Amino acid sequence: MANRSVPDDAALVSRCLDGDAAAWEALVRRYQRLVYAIALRASLDEHAAADVFQTTFARLVQHLPRISQPAKLQAWIVTTAKREALLLRRRAERTVSMTLPDGDESAGAPEWEVADDSPLPDEALAELQQLAQVRLALDRLDERCRRLLLELFGDDENVAYDDVALRLGIPRGSIGPTRSRCLAKLRSSLR
């Protein structure tokens, strides 16, 4: 039986940089236990350890082209995992629970108010990007579908089919089926 040699870190890094998915898989398998062990040793739970794992390998993907000594990859992974684990632990220590203790639901217990319920910047950006995609897809629809969907889902939330039929000059009974076809076109355009 032939003894297959296991590639060293430098060879795996080279293959990863060439886009070899099998090399990435081998690299992750080689170090995943180590990263989890580091996180668990830092007194993190399994969920936080999974976050450390994900962040460590996301950073590896980002920094791999700039790692000057691929043979020392293990040291880089250990250092990154330790930093992420400590960062998560510090964040957890600073987190204050807003849950009222048991038995404090009486009339005299404080009611918590959220200071700002507006979306986070990342959420707002994602929503704006999604809205832009829908607008572009709507612009690509034929004139009949675009006008119908804008009438039905525009600024006026309580639009009546009779009004839409009158404005567009189409029978009221055709609005529902036409709307369904137009929405299907819009969905397929968004894919």
Protein backbone atom coordinates (compact mmCIF):
# COMPACT_ATOMS: atom_id res chain seq x y z
CA MET A 1 0.00 0.00 0.00
CA ALA A 2 1.42 3.35 -1.03
CA ASN A 3 1.87 5.97 1.66
CA ARG A 4 0.27 9.20 0.50
CA SER A 5 2.11 12.24 1.74
CA VAL A 6 0.11 14.92 3.48
CA PRO A 7 0.72 18.37 1.98
CA ASP A 8 2.34 20.89 4.30
CA ASP A 9 0.79 24.28 5.05
CA ALA A 10 2.87 26.10 2.43
CA ALA A 11 1.65 23.71 -0.31
CA LEU A 12 -1.97 24.06 0.84
CA VAL A 13 -1.69 27.85 0.91
CA SER A 14 -0.29 27.85 -2.62
CA ARG A 15 -3.15 25.66 -3.84
CA CYS A 16 -5.69 27.82 -2.01
CA LEU A 17 -4.33 30.92 -3.70
CA ASP A 18 -4.82 29.12 -7.03
CA GLY A 19 -8.50 28.63 -6.16
CA ASP A 20 -8.33 24.93 -5.23
CA ALA A 21 -11.47 24.25 -3.16
CA ALA A 22 -10.14 20.90 -1.96
CA ALA A 23 -7.11 22.67 -0.49
CA TRP A 24 -9.39 25.06 1.41
CA GLU A 25 -11.35 22.12 2.74
CA ALA A 26 -8.14 20.37 3.83
CA LEU A 27 -6.88 23.53 5.52
CA VAL A 28 -10.13 24.02 7.42
CA ARG A 29 -10.25 20.36 8.48
CA ARG A 30 -6.64 20.54 9.63
CA TYR A 31 -7.20 23.52 11.96
CA GLN A 32 -10.87 23.49 12.94
CA ARG A 33 -10.36 21.47 16.13
CA LEU A 34 -7.51 23.73 17.17
CA VAL A 35 -9.60 26.87 16.68
CA TYR A 36 -12.54 25.39 18.61
CA ALA A 37 -10.22 24.27 21.40
CA ILE A 38 -8.78 27.78 21.73
CA ALA A 39 -12.26 29.29 21.93
CA LEU A 40 -13.51 26.74 24.46
CA ARG A 41 -10.40 27.22 26.57
CA ALA A 42 -11.23 30.92 26.70
CA SER A 43 -14.47 29.89 28.50
CA LEU A 44 -16.72 30.54 25.52
CA ASP A 45 -19.81 28.45 24.84
CA GLU A 46 -20.26 26.41 21.65
CA HIS A 47 -22.06 29.21 19.81
CA ALA A 48 -19.34 31.73 20.58
CA ALA A 49 -16.71 29.14 19.62
CA ALA A 50 -18.46 28.75 16.27
CA ASP A 51 -18.29 32.54 15.85
CA VAL A 52 -14.56 32.47 16.60
CA PHE A 53 -14.12 29.67 14.06
CA GLN A 54 -16.05 31.54 11.38
CA THR A 55 -14.28 34.84 11.99
CA THR A 56 -10.83 33.23 12.09
CA PHE A 57 -11.30 31.53 8.74
CA ALA A 58 -12.98 34.58 7.22
CA ARG A 59 -9.90 36.59 8.19
CA LEU A 60 -7.71 33.85 6.75
CA VAL A 61 -9.49 34.12 3.40
CA GLN A 62 -8.99 37.88 3.50
CA HIS A 63 -5.33 37.81 4.56
CA LEU A 64 -4.04 34.67 2.86
CA PRO A 65 -2.51 36.49 -0.12
CA ARG A 66 -0.52 38.69 2.29
CA ILE A 67 0.82 35.94 4.55
CA SER A 68 4.54 36.10 3.87
CA GLN A 69 5.51 32.84 5.60
CA PRO A 70 2.93 30.17 4.73
CA ALA A 71 4.93 27.57 6.67
CA LYS A 72 3.99 29.50 9.84
CA LEU A 73 0.27 29.42 9.07
CA GLN A 74 -0.53 27.54 12.28
CA ALA A 75 0.93 30.35 14.39
CA TRP A 76 -1.14 32.89 12.45
CA ILE A 77 -4.33 30.86 12.98
CA VAL A 78 -3.62 30.39 16.71
CA THR A 79 -2.95 34.10 17.19
CA THR A 80 -6.07 35.12 15.28
CA ALA A 81 -8.28 32.61 17.11
CA LYS A 82 -6.95 33.76 20.51
CA ARG A 83 -7.59 37.40 19.66
CA GLU A 84 -11.13 36.67 18.47
CA ALA A 85 -11.88 34.52 21.53
CA LEU A 86 -10.65 37.21 23.91
CA LEU A 87 -12.57 39.87 22.04
CA LEU A 88 -15.80 37.87 22.27
CA ARG A 89 -15.22 37.15 25.95
CA ARG A 90 -14.66 40.85 26.69
CA ARG A 91 -17.81 41.77 24.78
CA ALA A 92 -19.80 39.18 26.74
CA GLU A 93 -18.50 40.58 30.03
CA ARG A 94 -19.60 44.09 29.03
CA THR A 95 -23.07 42.98 27.98
CA VAL A 96 -25.76 43.82 30.48
CA SER A 97 -28.92 41.77 30.55
CA MET A 98 -32.09 43.79 30.16
CA THR A 99 -34.23 40.94 31.48
CA LEU A 100 -36.02 41.67 34.71
CA PRO A 101 -35.18 39.26 37.53
CA ASP A 102 -37.86 36.70 38.41
CA GLY A 103 -40.58 38.16 40.57
CA ASP A 104 -40.00 41.76 39.45
CA GLU A 105 -42.99 41.86 37.13
CA SER A 106 -45.06 43.66 39.75
CA ALA A 107 -46.62 47.05 39.20
CA GLY A 108 -43.53 48.78 40.63
CA ALA A 109 -41.05 47.15 38.24
CA PRO A 110 -39.47 49.44 35.65
CA GLU A 111 -40.51 49.19 32.03
CA TRP A 112 -37.59 49.06 29.65
CA GLU A 113 -37.63 51.30 26.62
CA VAL A 114 -35.44 50.87 23.59
CA ALA A 115 -33.60 54.09 22.93
CA ASP A 116 -33.58 53.81 19.15
CA ASP A 117 -35.46 51.23 17.16
CA SER A 118 -34.20 52.40 13.77
CA PRO A 119 -32.38 49.78 11.71
CA LEU A 120 -28.66 49.37 12.10
CA PRO A 121 -26.54 50.88 9.30
CA ASP A 122 -25.90 47.46 7.73
CA GLU A 123 -29.61 46.64 7.80
CA ALA A 124 -30.51 50.01 6.29
CA LEU A 125 -27.91 49.56 3.56
CA ALA A 126 -29.18 46.06 2.76
CA GLU A 127 -32.74 47.37 2.59
CA LEU A 128 -31.70 50.19 0.25
CA GLN A 129 -29.82 47.75 -1.99
CA GLN A 130 -32.83 45.45 -2.13
CA LEU A 131 -35.11 48.39 -2.94
CA ALA A 132 -32.78 49.45 -5.76
CA GLN A 133 -32.87 45.92 -7.20
CA VAL A 134 -36.67 45.90 -7.13
CA ARG A 135 -36.80 49.31 -8.83
CA LEU A 136 -34.44 48.13 -11.58
CA ALA A 137 -36.46 44.96 -12.08
CA LEU A 138 -39.65 47.02 -12.21
CA ASP A 139 -38.11 49.27 -14.87
CA ARG A 140 -37.32 46.18 -16.98
CA LEU A 141 -40.98 45.06 -17.02
CA ASP A 142 -43.23 45.82 -19.96
CA GLU A 143 -45.26 49.03 -19.71
CA ARG A 144 -48.55 47.30 -18.85
CA CYS A 145 -47.09 45.35 -15.90
CA ARG A 146 -45.07 48.29 -14.63
CA ARG A 147 -48.11 50.61 -14.62
CA LEU A 148 -50.34 48.02 -12.97
CA LEU A 149 -47.87 47.22 -10.20
CA LEU A 150 -47.16 50.89 -9.55
CA GLU A 151 -50.90 51.57 -9.30
CA LEU A 152 -51.46 48.63 -6.93
CA PHE A 153 -48.37 48.96 -4.76
CA GLY A 154 -47.49 52.63 -5.08
CA ASP A 155 -47.87 55.33 -2.49
CA ASP A 156 -51.59 54.77 -1.86
CA GLU A 157 -51.90 51.68 0.36
CA ASN A 158 -55.71 51.44 0.16
CA VAL A 159 -56.20 51.50 -3.58
CA ALA A 160 -59.46 50.06 -4.91
CA TYR A 161 -59.51 47.76 -7.92
CA ASP A 162 -62.33 49.85 -9.42
CA ASP A 163 -60.11 52.95 -9.36
CA VAL A 164 -57.16 51.07 -10.87
CA ALA A 165 -59.37 49.60 -13.60
CA LEU A 166 -60.71 53.06 -14.43
CA ARG A 167 -57.25 54.72 -14.51
CA LEU A 168 -55.70 51.97 -16.64
CA GLY A 169 -58.73 51.32 -18.82
CA ILE A 170 -58.88 47.59 -18.14
CA PRO A 171 -61.68 45.36 -16.83
CA ARG A 172 -61.76 45.02 -13.03
CA GLY A 173 -61.87 41.20 -13.28
CA SER A 174 -58.56 41.07 -15.16
CA ILE A 175 -56.59 42.92 -12.49
CA GLY A 176 -56.01 39.91 -10.19
CA PRO A 177 -54.77 37.48 -12.87
CA THR A 178 -52.69 40.18 -14.58
CA ARG A 179 -51.21 41.19 -11.22
CA SER A 180 -50.19 37.56 -10.59
CA ARG A 181 -48.47 37.27 -13.99
CA CYS A 182 -46.71 40.61 -13.51
CA LEU A 183 -45.48 39.68 -10.02
CA ALA A 184 -44.17 36.38 -11.41
CA LYS A 185 -42.25 38.32 -14.09
CA LEU A 186 -40.89 40.66 -11.42
CA ARG A 187 -39.77 37.74 -9.22
CA SER A 188 -38.00 36.01 -12.10
CA SER A 189 -36.28 39.27 -13.01
CA LEU A 190 -34.95 39.54 -9.43
CA ARG A 191 -33.24 36.15 -9.54
